[in-house]
Amino acid sequence: MGHRLMKDALFQPIQLGKLELKNRIVMPPMTRSRASQPGNVANDMMATYYAQRASAGLIVAEGTQISEMGQGYAWTPGIYSAEQIVGWKKVTDAVHAKGGAIFAQLWHVGRVTHPDNIGGKQPISSSALKAENVKVFIDNGTDEPGFVDVVEPRAMTKEDIRKVIEEYRWAALNAIEAGFDGIELHAANGYLINQFIDSEANNRADEYGGSIENRLRFLGEVVEAMTDAIGADRVGVRLAPFTSLNGTVDKTPVETYTAAAALLNKLNVVYMHIAEVDWDDAPDTPAEFKTAVREAYQGTIIYAGRYNTEKAAQALNDGLADMVGFGRPFIANPDLPARIANDYPLAEHDPATLFGGAEKGLLDYPEYQAS
């Protein structure tokens, strides 16, 4: 199959719930820590940033905390106050004006935080287990993020669990009120839901711990609360089966996450977004796992992590993925789909301006100018 034909797979439209998406290229959620203070409010600068990238088939906006306790890092946006809903409305309006589609990623970090980021309280998790060798950044009074070690969380009570499920439900409703086309539940990368799923982060002795079915219970209950609130056709879920990011590890990831795929199929979520390990010498996701997931889950499957044009087109043509996320390339290439279509060279992003700060390193990456 020729290069051109291969690549065409990325530019086929796709139906996602009630949405008709114009291509298979996803801008996945990436924390940029630019929310306005005080109040962690999405702002005009963020609206411009996402609108510049609205040629993606789907944008999943950066992780946005569902409550004060859900915040892991300084300056990340929330979606629980009236002011935050108004801020996000600027973003969704700007993206829709450019013909784009955008989902909110709903985030609770659980133990991956520091009391300075959550009003001085002790973090909560599935269990009272500290994430080892994990740092988060706080506002230390300068413009630079100040990195600190996380602390030991307390294990959530049944009451805590009910409360957090309710916070997710409200956040989903708030996201729709803010104009988002849907929401993605962040159940990946070592954050709260992942702290229930992965065996080595969960030592509970009740119905939320132990067996795979029990460890997936919290995920299922959160998803159900949100699909009841806004409809399953507007709820996607992100999982990270093989990463040990932020200290969560599962003993039997293939078994655990194939069961998660089957659960999400039963709950009828509109997509499953799998974050693959993307550091440089990371192992590849086993091919048999991708096949098992495809068999267990009938909805739209998105993969993200270390994809280039060829690898993405291959995944689509092999039928293992329906859409592909390109993370870091979207930071420095606002017009990424056009660059992929035309084989234009990709710009590199400046790692120093990823988190915090203002327009520099956020809005000043130009579109490609053909000479």
Protein backbone atom coordinates (compact mmCIF):
# COMPACT_ATOMS: atom_id res chain seq x y z
CA MET A 1 0.00 0.00 0.00
CA GLY A 2 1.49 3.36 -1.01
CA HIS A 3 2.46 6.04 1.52
CA ARG A 4 -0.37 8.28 0.31
CA LEU A 5 -2.99 5.58 0.71
CA MET A 6 -1.67 4.55 4.09
CA LYS A 7 -1.89 8.12 5.28
CA ASP A 8 -5.41 8.56 3.95
CA ALA A 9 -6.62 6.33 6.79
CA LEU A 10 -5.95 9.25 9.15
CA PHE A 11 -8.22 11.55 7.16
CA GLN A 12 -11.39 9.44 7.01
CA PRO A 13 -14.34 10.94 8.90
CA ILE A 14 -15.69 8.99 11.88
CA GLN A 15 -18.93 9.01 13.83
CA LEU A 16 -18.43 9.42 17.60
CA GLY A 17 -21.79 9.26 19.32
CA LYS A 18 -23.80 12.05 17.69
CA LEU A 19 -20.66 13.81 16.45
CA GLU A 20 -19.31 13.55 12.92
CA LEU A 21 -15.53 14.01 13.28
CA LYS A 22 -13.56 15.20 10.26
CA ASN A 23 -10.45 13.02 10.76
CA ARG A 24 -8.91 10.34 13.00
CA ILE A 25 -6.30 12.64 14.56
CA VAL A 26 -6.75 13.30 18.28
CA MET A 27 -5.11 16.00 20.38
CA PRO A 28 -4.81 14.15 23.69
CA PRO A 29 -4.98 15.84 27.12
CA MET A 30 -1.74 17.56 28.16
CA THR A 31 -1.29 19.51 31.37
CA ARG A 32 -0.01 23.04 30.67
CA SER A 33 -0.78 24.73 34.04
CA ARG A 34 -1.92 28.08 32.65
CA ALA A 35 -5.23 28.55 34.52
CA SER A 36 -5.96 32.02 35.98
CA GLN A 37 -5.39 32.55 39.71
CA PRO A 38 -7.01 32.60 42.15
CA GLY A 39 -9.69 30.06 41.31
CA ASN A 40 -7.94 27.85 38.69
CA VAL A 41 -10.08 29.27 35.88
CA ALA A 42 -9.69 28.52 32.17
CA ASN A 43 -8.96 31.77 30.31
CA ASP A 44 -8.66 33.57 26.95
CA MET A 45 -5.09 32.36 26.51
CA MET A 46 -6.26 28.74 26.79
CA ALA A 47 -9.16 29.45 24.42
CA THR A 48 -6.70 30.70 21.79
CA TYR A 49 -4.41 27.69 22.31
CA TYR A 50 -7.18 25.14 21.72
CA ALA A 51 -8.74 27.10 18.85
CA GLN A 52 -5.34 27.12 17.09
CA ARG A 53 -5.50 23.30 17.21
CA ALA A 54 -9.16 22.87 16.22
CA SER A 55 -8.26 21.06 12.98
CA ALA A 56 -7.83 17.87 15.06
CA GLY A 57 -10.70 15.42 14.61
CA LEU A 58 -11.09 15.55 18.39
CA ILE A 59 -9.45 17.63 21.11
CA VAL A 60 -9.39 16.23 24.63
CA ALA A 61 -8.65 19.25 26.81
CA GLU A 62 -6.07 19.07 29.60
CA GLY A 63 -6.99 17.30 32.83
CA THR A 64 -9.38 19.42 34.86
CA GLN A 65 -9.96 18.66 38.53
CA ILE A 66 -13.48 17.83 39.69
CA SER A 67 -12.93 19.26 43.19
CA GLU A 68 -10.37 21.09 45.29
CA MET A 69 -9.19 17.71 46.64
CA GLY A 70 -8.75 16.45 43.09
CA GLN A 71 -5.91 18.86 42.20
CA GLY A 72 -2.39 17.47 41.87
CA TYR A 73 -0.36 20.37 40.51
CA ALA A 74 -0.27 24.14 40.72
CA TRP A 75 -2.27 26.22 38.22
CA THR A 76 -4.34 23.42 36.66
CA PRO A 77 -7.96 24.29 35.77
CA GLY A 78 -11.02 23.09 37.68
CA ILE A 79 -14.60 22.43 36.64
CA TYR A 80 -16.51 22.64 39.93
CA SER A 81 -17.14 26.38 40.40
CA ALA A 82 -19.48 28.67 38.45
CA GLU A 83 -16.50 30.82 37.48
CA GLN A 84 -14.66 27.78 36.11
CA ILE A 85 -17.65 26.82 33.96
CA VAL A 86 -17.69 30.35 32.48
CA GLY A 87 -13.94 30.11 31.79
CA TRP A 88 -14.28 26.80 29.96
CA LYS A 89 -17.19 28.22 27.92
CA LYS A 90 -14.67 30.63 26.33
CA VAL A 91 -12.59 27.62 25.29
CA THR A 92 -15.43 25.52 23.86
CA ASP A 93 -16.91 28.52 22.01
CA ALA A 94 -13.52 29.28 20.43
CA VAL A 95 -13.01 25.66 19.32
CA HIS A 96 -16.55 25.32 17.97
CA ALA A 97 -16.18 28.60 16.05
CA LYS A 98 -13.29 26.92 14.20
CA GLY A 99 -15.33 23.79 13.48
CA GLY A 100 -13.60 21.64 16.09
CA ALA A 101 -14.90 19.08 18.61
CA ILE A 102 -13.70 19.09 22.22
CA PHE A 103 -14.13 16.80 25.24
CA ALA A 104 -13.20 17.74 28.83
CA GLN A 105 -10.92 15.37 30.72
CA LEU A 106 -12.23 14.93 34.25
CA TRP A 107 -9.49 14.40 36.77
CA HIS A 108 -9.06 13.45 40.41
CA VAL A 109 -5.42 12.82 41.29
CA GLY A 110 -6.02 10.96 44.56
CA ARG A 111 -2.64 10.54 46.27
CA VAL A 112 -0.59 12.26 43.55
CA THR A 113 -0.61 15.67 45.21
CA HIS A 114 0.67 17.69 48.13
CA PRO A 115 -1.31 19.45 50.91
CA ASP A 116 -0.19 22.83 49.45
CA ASN A 117 -2.30 22.09 46.35
CA ILE A 118 -5.45 20.98 48.21
CA GLY A 119 -5.99 23.57 50.92
CA GLY A 120 -3.73 21.92 53.48
CA LYS A 121 -5.68 18.65 53.68
CA GLN A 122 -4.32 15.10 53.56
CA PRO A 123 -4.77 13.49 50.11
CA ILE A 124 -7.16 10.56 49.66
CA SER A 125 -6.66 7.28 47.80
CA SER A 126 -7.93 3.71 47.62
CA SER A 127 -5.44 2.87 50.36
CA ALA A 128 -3.01 4.54 52.77
CA LEU A 129 -0.08 3.81 50.47
CA LYS A 130 2.35 6.58 49.50
CA ALA A 131 3.36 6.78 45.83
CA GLU A 132 7.11 6.12 45.84
CA ASN A 133 9.52 8.48 44.08
CA VAL A 134 6.74 10.72 42.82
CA LYS A 135 6.95 14.52 42.80
CA VAL A 136 4.33 17.16 42.02
CA PHE A 137 4.75 20.90 41.63
CA ILE A 138 3.36 23.57 43.90
CA ASP A 139 3.18 27.35 43.68
CA ASN A 140 6.19 28.41 45.71
CA GLY A 141 5.70 32.11 45.09
CA THR A 142 7.77 32.26 41.89
CA ASP A 143 6.81 31.74 38.23
CA GLU A 144 8.69 28.44 38.18
CA PRO A 145 6.95 25.25 39.29
CA GLY A 146 8.44 24.11 42.62
CA PHE A 147 8.71 20.30 42.74
CA VAL A 148 8.01 18.52 46.05
CA ASP A 149 7.50 14.91 47.16
CA VAL A 150 3.96 13.62 47.52
CA VAL A 151 2.73 12.62 50.99
CA GLU A 152 0.98 9.56 52.38
CA PRO A 153 -2.77 9.61 51.65
CA ARG A 154 -5.56 8.31 53.85
CA ALA A 155 -7.72 5.43 52.64
CA MET A 156 -11.14 6.54 51.41
CA THR A 157 -14.16 5.55 53.47
CA LYS A 158 -17.40 4.39 51.81
CA GLU A 159 -18.68 7.91 52.46
CA ASP A 160 -15.64 9.40 50.64
CA ILE A 161 -16.27 7.07 47.72
CA ARG A 162 -19.93 8.12 47.45
CA LYS A 163 -18.91 11.78 47.67
CA VAL A 164 -16.29 11.51 44.91
CA ILE A 165 -18.71 9.65 42.61
CA GLU A 166 -21.12 12.55 43.11
CA GLU A 167 -18.33 15.06 42.31
CA TYR A 168 -17.66 13.23 39.04
CA ARG A 169 -21.37 13.33 38.19
CA TRP A 170 -21.53 17.07 38.81
CA ALA A 171 -18.33 17.67 36.86
CA ALA A 172 -19.84 15.86 33.85
CA LEU A 173 -22.94 18.05 34.03
CA ASN A 174 -20.75 21.16 34.43
CA ALA A 175 -18.72 20.15 31.35
CA ILE A 176 -21.86 19.95 29.21
CA GLU A 177 -23.02 23.29 30.63
CA ALA A 178 -19.61 24.72 29.66
CA GLY A 179 -20.22 23.64 26.06
CA PHE A 180 -18.01 20.54 25.85
CA ASP A 181 -19.13 17.88 23.35
CA GLY A 182 -18.47 15.19 25.94
CA ILE A 183 -16.08 14.15 28.70
CA GLU A 184 -13.17 11.78 29.09
CA LEU A 185 -12.77 10.13 32.49
CA HIS A 186 -9.10 10.12 33.47
CA ALA A 187 -8.58 6.58 34.76
CA ALA A 188 -4.93 6.40 33.69
CA ASN A 189 -1.39 7.40 34.68
CA GLY A 190 -1.53 6.62 38.37
CA TYR A 191 -4.33 9.01 39.39
CA LEU A 192 -7.28 8.20 41.67
CA ILE A 193 -9.23 5.70 39.58
CA ASN A 194 -6.00 3.99 38.57
CA GLN A 195 -5.16 3.75 42.31
CA PHE A 196 -8.24 1.53 42.71
CA ILE A 197 -7.63 -0.54 39.54
CA ASP A 198 -3.97 -1.50 39.95
CA SER A 199 -3.30 -4.31 42.42
CA GLU A 200 -0.14 -2.83 43.94
CA ALA A 201 -1.81 0.51 44.78
CA ASN A 202 -4.91 -1.02 46.35
CA ASN A 203 -4.82 -3.08 49.56
CA ARG A 204 -8.49 -2.66 50.49
CA ALA A 205 -10.30 -5.58 52.12
CA ASP A 206 -13.84 -4.45 51.17
CA GLU A 207 -15.74 -4.77 47.88
CA TYR A 208 -13.42 -2.15 46.27
CA GLY A 209 -10.26 -4.25 46.70
CA GLY A 210 -8.84 -7.72 46.09
CA SER A 211 -10.23 -9.33 42.94
CA ILE A 212 -10.09 -7.67 39.53
CA GLU A 213 -13.87 -7.27 39.62
CA ASN A 214 -13.64 -5.45 42.96
CA ARG A 215 -10.78 -3.21 41.84
CA LEU A 216 -12.81 -2.19 38.78
CA ARG A 217 -15.92 -1.44 40.86
CA PHE A 218 -15.09 2.23 41.52
CA LEU A 219 -14.38 2.81 37.81
CA GLY A 220 -17.74 1.25 36.92
CA GLU A 221 -19.68 3.25 39.50
CA VAL A 222 -18.11 6.55 38.40
CA VAL A 223 -18.80 5.82 34.73
CA GLU A 224 -22.40 4.86 35.51
CA ALA A 225 -23.00 8.07 37.45
CA MET A 226 -21.70 10.11 34.51
CA THR A 227 -23.50 8.20 31.75
CA ASP A 228 -26.75 8.50 33.74
CA ALA A 229 -26.15 12.26 33.95
CA ILE A 230 -25.11 13.12 30.37
CA GLY A 231 -25.55 9.96 28.25
CA ALA A 232 -23.09 7.18 27.39
CA ASP A 233 -22.61 8.66 23.91
CA ARG A 234 -20.79 11.60 25.54
CA VAL A 235 -18.52 9.66 27.94
CA GLY A 236 -15.09 8.29 27.01
CA VAL A 237 -12.53 6.70 29.35
CA ARG A 238 -8.73 6.84 29.35
CA LEU A 239 -6.73 3.89 30.67
CA ALA A 240 -2.98 3.19 30.95
CA PRO A 241 -2.60 -0.59 31.26
CA PHE A 242 1.18 -0.91 31.20
CA THR A 243 2.56 2.32 32.59
CA SER A 244 3.99 2.58 36.08
CA LEU A 245 3.53 6.36 35.98
CA ASN A 246 3.08 7.98 39.37
CA GLY A 247 3.77 4.69 41.08
CA THR A 248 0.77 2.51 40.21
CA VAL A 249 1.56 -1.00 39.03
CA ASP A 250 -0.71 -3.95 38.33
CA LYS A 251 0.43 -7.57 38.72
CA THR A 252 -1.65 -8.88 35.81
CA PRO A 253 -2.21 -5.94 33.45
CA VAL A 254 -3.41 -7.96 30.44
CA GLU A 255 -6.09 -9.70 32.51
CA THR A 256 -7.06 -6.60 34.49
CA TYR A 257 -7.38 -4.29 31.51
CA THR A 258 -9.08 -6.79 29.24
CA ALA A 259 -11.69 -7.03 32.02
CA ALA A 260 -11.83 -3.20 32.12
CA ALA A 261 -12.47 -3.15 28.35
CA ALA A 262 -15.32 -5.66 28.78
CA LEU A 263 -16.81 -3.55 31.59
CA LEU A 264 -16.63 -0.36 29.50
CA ASN A 265 -18.29 -2.25 26.63
CA LYS A 266 -21.15 -3.23 28.94
CA LEU A 267 -21.45 0.40 30.10
CA ASN A 268 -21.50 1.44 26.43
CA VAL A 269 -19.02 4.32 26.71
CA VAL A 270 -18.40 6.12 23.43
CA TYR A 271 -14.64 5.54 23.36
CA MET A 272 -11.75 3.94 25.15
CA HIS A 273 -8.50 5.92 25.05
CA ILE A 274 -5.39 3.88 25.81
CA ALA A 275 -2.24 5.71 26.87
CA GLU A 276 0.73 3.61 25.87
CA VAL A 277 4.08 3.93 27.61
CA ASP A 278 5.88 6.65 25.73
CA TRP A 279 9.29 7.13 27.29
CA ASP A 280 12.13 6.43 24.88
CA ASP A 281 13.07 2.80 25.57
CA ALA A 282 9.65 1.73 26.86
CA PRO A 283 8.38 -1.72 25.91
CA ASP A 284 5.72 -1.86 23.20
CA THR A 285 2.15 -2.73 24.18
CA PRO A 286 1.77 -6.48 23.50
CA ALA A 287 -0.05 -7.11 20.19
CA GLU A 288 -2.21 -9.80 21.79
CA PHE A 289 -3.46 -7.25 24.29
CA LYS A 290 -4.59 -4.92 21.48
CA THR A 291 -6.41 -7.80 19.84
CA ALA A 292 -8.04 -8.82 23.14
CA VAL A 293 -9.22 -5.23 23.72
CA ARG A 294 -10.64 -5.01 20.21
CA GLU A 295 -12.62 -8.19 20.88
CA ALA A 296 -13.81 -7.11 24.34
CA TYR A 297 -14.86 -3.56 23.44
CA GLN A 298 -17.07 -2.62 20.49
CA GLY A 299 -16.85 1.19 20.64
CA THR A 300 -14.24 3.61 19.28
CA ILE A 301 -10.67 2.85 20.37
CA ILE A 302 -8.06 5.60 20.57
CA TYR A 303 -4.36 4.88 21.16
CA ALA A 304 -1.78 7.53 22.06
CA GLY A 305 1.95 7.44 22.75
CA ARG A 306 5.02 7.71 20.47
CA TYR A 307 2.97 7.63 17.25
CA ASN A 308 4.30 9.01 14.00
CA THR A 309 2.31 9.14 10.75
CA GLU A 310 3.34 5.66 9.57
CA LYS A 311 2.71 3.92 12.89
CA ALA A 312 -0.65 5.68 13.29
CA ALA A 313 -1.82 4.82 9.77
CA GLN A 314 -0.70 1.22 10.33
CA ALA A 315 -2.75 0.94 13.56
CA LEU A 316 -5.84 2.25 11.74
CA ASN A 317 -5.33 -0.01 8.71
CA ASP A 318 -4.77 -3.05 10.96
CA GLY A 319 -8.13 -2.29 12.55
CA LEU A 320 -6.69 -2.13 16.08
CA ALA A 321 -7.35 1.60 16.50
CA ASP A 322 -10.09 3.90 15.21
CA MET A 323 -8.32 7.15 16.09
CA VAL A 324 -4.78 8.05 17.17
CA GLY A 325 -3.56 10.70 19.60
CA PHE A 326 -0.43 12.75 18.91
CA GLY A 327 0.57 14.49 22.15
CA ARG A 328 3.80 16.46 22.13
CA PRO A 329 3.71 17.11 18.35
CA PHE A 330 0.51 19.15 18.88
CA ILE A 331 2.31 21.53 21.26
CA ALA A 332 4.66 22.96 18.63
CA ASN A 333 2.51 22.20 15.58
CA PRO A 334 -0.93 23.81 15.93
CA ASP A 335 -1.68 22.77 12.33
CA LEU A 336 -0.55 19.17 12.84
CA PRO A 337 -3.19 17.54 10.59
CA ALA A 338 -2.15 19.79 7.65
CA ARG A 339 1.52 19.00 8.30
CA ILE A 340 0.78 15.26 8.31
CA ALA A 341 -1.33 15.53 5.13
CA ASN A 342 1.34 17.50 3.27
CA ASP A 343 4.46 15.86 4.72
CA TYR A 344 5.61 19.20 6.10
CA PRO A 345 8.41 19.02 8.68
CA LEU A 346 7.38 19.09 12.35
CA ALA A 347 8.62 21.77 14.75
CA GLU A 348 10.03 20.74 18.15
CA HIS A 349 8.55 22.10 21.39
CA ASP A 350 10.56 23.82 24.11
CA PRO A 351 10.36 21.63 27.25
CA ALA A 352 11.11 24.65 29.48
CA THR A 353 7.75 26.27 28.72
CA LEU A 354 5.48 23.24 29.14
CA PHE A 355 4.13 24.11 32.60
CA GLY A 356 3.16 27.49 33.99
CA GLY A 357 4.05 30.86 32.53
CA ALA A 358 1.98 32.67 29.91
CA GLU A 359 1.73 32.90 26.09
CA LYS A 360 5.39 32.02 25.49
CA GLY A 361 5.62 28.34 24.59
CA LEU A 362 1.82 28.09 24.42
CA LEU A 363 0.55 30.39 21.66
CA ASP A 364 3.66 31.39 19.74
CA TYR A 365 4.23 28.23 17.68
CA PRO A 366 3.35 29.22 14.09
CA GLU A 367 1.54 27.25 11.41
CA TYR A 368 3.76 25.94 8.62
CA GLN A 369 4.49 28.46 5.87
CA ALA A 370 5.21 26.76 2.56
CA SER A 371 7.83 28.95 0.84
